[in-house]
Protein backbone atom coordinates (compact mmCIF):
# COMPACT_ATOMS: atom_id res chain seq x y z
CA UNK A 1 -33.69 46.90 137.36
CA UNK A 2 -34.48 43.47 138.82
CA UNK A 3 -35.42 40.50 136.67
CA UNK A 4 -39.15 40.36 137.50
CA UNK A 5 -39.62 44.03 136.63
CA UNK A 6 -37.68 43.56 133.40
CA UNK A 7 -39.82 40.55 132.44
CA UNK A 8 -43.05 42.41 133.18
CA UNK A 9 -41.88 45.45 131.21
CA UNK A 10 -40.82 43.33 128.23
CA UNK A 11 -44.13 41.46 128.25
CA UNK A 12 -46.12 44.71 128.36
CA UNK A 13 -44.01 46.22 125.57
CA UNK A 14 -44.50 43.07 123.49
CA UNK A 15 -48.28 43.26 123.87
CA UNK A 16 -48.37 46.94 122.90
CA UNK A 17 -46.10 46.51 119.88
CA UNK A 18 -47.98 43.44 118.72
CA UNK A 19 -51.35 45.19 118.88
CA UNK A 20 -50.13 48.35 117.16
CA UNK A 21 -47.80 46.90 114.52
CA UNK A 22 -49.91 43.93 113.38
CA UNK A 23 -53.05 45.96 112.61
CA UNK A 24 -55.29 43.30 114.12
CA UNK A 25 -53.64 40.17 112.78
CA UNK A 26 -52.64 39.28 116.33
CA UNK A 27 -56.20 37.97 116.67
CA UNK A 28 -55.49 35.51 113.85
CA UNK A 29 -52.24 34.54 115.58
CA UNK A 30 -54.14 33.78 118.78
CA UNK A 31 -56.67 31.72 116.80
CA UNK A 32 -53.71 29.90 115.27
CA UNK A 33 -52.55 29.00 118.77
CA UNK A 34 -55.90 27.24 119.25
CA UNK A 35 -55.30 25.35 116.02
CA UNK A 36 -51.87 24.32 117.32
CA UNK A 37 -53.52 22.77 120.39
CA UNK A 38 -56.03 20.86 118.23
CA UNK A 39 -53.31 19.75 115.82
CA UNK A 40 -51.24 18.61 118.79
CA UNK A 41 -54.08 16.34 119.87
CA UNK A 42 -53.90 14.44 116.60
CA UNK A 43 -50.18 13.85 117.10
CA UNK A 44 -51.30 11.30 119.68
CA UNK A 45 -53.37 9.08 117.37
CA UNK A 46 -51.97 9.16 113.85
CA UNK A 47 -50.47 5.89 112.63
CA UNK A 48 -50.42 5.92 108.82
CA UNK A 49 -48.16 7.03 105.98
CA UNK A 50 -49.93 10.38 106.15
CA UNK A 51 -48.28 10.91 109.53
CA UNK A 52 -45.02 12.27 108.14
CA UNK A 53 -46.82 14.91 106.12
CA UNK A 54 -49.05 15.76 109.05
CA UNK A 55 -46.16 16.04 111.49
CA UNK A 56 -44.23 18.25 109.07
CA UNK A 57 -47.27 20.50 108.64
CA UNK A 58 -47.75 20.77 112.39
CA UNK A 59 -44.07 21.47 113.03
CA UNK A 60 -43.67 24.12 110.33
CA UNK A 61 -46.98 25.83 111.06
CA UNK A 62 -46.31 25.86 114.80
CA UNK A 63 -42.74 27.09 114.39
CA UNK A 64 -43.86 29.83 111.97
CA UNK A 65 -46.66 30.93 114.28
CA UNK A 66 -44.36 31.04 117.30
CA UNK A 67 -41.85 33.06 115.28
CA UNK A 68 -44.52 35.50 114.07
CA UNK A 69 -45.59 36.16 117.64
CA UNK A 70 -42.10 36.42 119.08
CA UNK A 71 -40.87 38.71 116.31
CA UNK A 72 -42.22 41.67 118.25
CA UNK A 73 -39.87 40.84 121.12
CA UNK A 74 -36.67 40.97 119.06
CA UNK A 75 -37.42 43.50 116.33
CA UNK A 76 -39.10 46.90 116.10
CA UNK A 77 -40.36 48.80 113.06
CA UNK A 78 -38.82 52.23 112.47
CA UNK A 79 -39.31 54.28 109.32
CA UNK A 80 -40.70 51.28 107.45
CA UNK A 81 -37.83 48.91 108.19
CA UNK A 82 -37.16 46.20 110.74
CA UNK A 83 -34.55 47.15 113.36
CA UNK A 84 -32.74 44.97 115.89
CA UNK A 85 -34.26 45.92 119.25
CA UNK A 86 -31.06 45.15 121.15
CA UNK A 87 -29.46 48.16 119.43
CA UNK A 88 -31.94 50.36 121.31
CA UNK A 89 -30.86 48.97 124.67
CA UNK A 90 -27.13 49.58 124.28
CA UNK A 91 -27.41 53.12 125.62
CA UNK A 92 -29.65 52.21 128.57
CA UNK A 93 -28.26 51.04 131.92
CA UNK A 94 -29.32 47.40 131.50
CA UNK A 95 -27.15 44.31 131.16
CA UNK A 96 -27.69 42.75 127.73
CA UNK A 97 -27.22 39.24 129.12
CA UNK A 98 -29.97 39.87 131.67
CA UNK A 99 -32.17 41.44 128.99
CA UNK A 100 -31.62 38.46 126.69
CA UNK A 101 -32.66 36.10 129.48
CA UNK A 102 -35.77 38.21 130.22
CA UNK A 103 -36.78 38.20 126.54
CA UNK A 104 -36.38 34.41 126.38
CA UNK A 105 -38.58 34.05 129.47
CA UNK A 106 -41.23 36.24 127.84
CA UNK A 107 -41.09 34.09 124.68
CA UNK A 108 -41.41 30.99 126.86
CA UNK A 109 -44.41 32.43 128.67
CA UNK A 110 -46.08 33.27 125.36
CA UNK A 111 -45.75 29.78 123.88
CA UNK A 112 -46.13 27.88 127.15
CA UNK A 113 -49.94 27.56 127.06
CA UNK A 114 -50.26 26.11 123.54
CA UNK A 115 -47.29 23.79 124.11
CA UNK A 116 -48.67 22.40 127.38
CA UNK A 117 -52.26 22.16 126.12
CA UNK A 118 -51.12 20.56 122.86
CA UNK A 119 -49.06 18.00 124.75
CA UNK A 120 -51.84 17.22 127.20
CA UNK A 121 -54.36 16.82 124.39
CA UNK A 122 -51.96 14.48 122.55
CA UNK A 123 -51.53 12.37 125.69
CA UNK A 124 -55.29 12.30 126.31
CA UNK A 125 -55.97 11.24 122.73
CA UNK A 126 -53.30 8.53 123.02
CA UNK A 127 -54.93 7.31 126.24
CA UNK A 128 -58.38 7.28 124.67
CA UNK A 129 -57.28 5.35 121.58
CA UNK A 130 -54.52 3.21 123.08
CA UNK A 131 -54.56 -0.35 121.81
CA UNK A 132 -56.97 0.35 118.96
CA UNK A 133 -54.64 1.47 116.18
CA UNK A 134 -52.06 3.43 118.12
CA UNK A 135 -48.37 2.81 118.70
CA UNK A 136 -46.72 2.65 122.11
CA UNK A 137 -46.25 5.50 124.57
CA UNK A 138 -42.59 5.73 123.53
CA UNK A 139 -43.48 6.96 120.02
CA UNK A 140 -41.74 10.31 119.39
CA UNK A 141 -44.72 11.57 117.40
CA UNK A 142 -46.66 11.77 120.65
CA UNK A 143 -44.24 14.36 122.00
CA UNK A 144 -44.25 16.61 118.92
CA UNK A 145 -45.75 19.68 120.70
CA UNK A 146 -43.08 19.66 123.41
CA UNK A 147 -40.24 19.00 120.98
CA UNK A 148 -41.33 21.92 118.80
CA UNK A 149 -41.58 24.21 121.84
CA UNK A 150 -38.14 23.28 123.14
CA UNK A 151 -36.61 23.53 119.67
CA UNK A 152 -38.14 26.96 119.21
CA UNK A 153 -36.73 28.22 122.53
CA UNK A 154 -33.27 26.97 121.53
CA UNK A 155 -33.66 28.76 118.19
CA UNK A 156 -34.72 32.01 119.90
CA UNK A 157 -31.79 31.86 122.31
CA UNK A 158 -29.41 31.53 119.37
CA UNK A 159 -31.16 34.40 117.58
CA UNK A 160 -30.99 36.62 120.68
CA UNK A 161 -27.28 35.88 121.07
CA UNK A 162 -26.66 36.76 117.44
CA UNK A 163 -28.67 40.00 117.66
CA UNK A 164 -26.84 41.02 120.86
CA UNK A 165 -23.52 40.31 119.17
CA UNK A 166 -24.53 42.46 116.18
CA UNK A 167 -25.76 45.27 118.45
CA UNK A 168 -22.53 45.35 120.48
CA UNK A 169 -20.36 45.07 117.37
CA UNK A 170 -21.96 48.15 115.76
């Protein structure tokens, strides 16, 4: 199976599992992605002591939302319990390294839109309010949406490696 077919299959399976297993809460998750974009916009203009609390809220909410959505790529529910999905692929003729890469690409595609829109909105807000009460363009708070997205992908890669290791070990 080539990589593009594997990515398309994994994305379709993710959508089906998410719609069936969440009982409609996937709509709330998608609304949360809109909130992430709006919250990302304010990362461009905050400049008070409240910033640290705001950034922490944005980071933890965004990370939790990304994890909730990507959970259906790495786990599956069977008989009321969560099962490592890589254990299901051991007996199929697919390379686990290739599968792990395809799953990470699917996760990246799922979070790409809110990350890019959040970053663009933060940059636009910084441009609109630059010089009024805003710090320089080198402020790390401005790049919070991208840093959270990259950090989440690193976290998912480590999780996928661990789950593959556990699946092969069993």
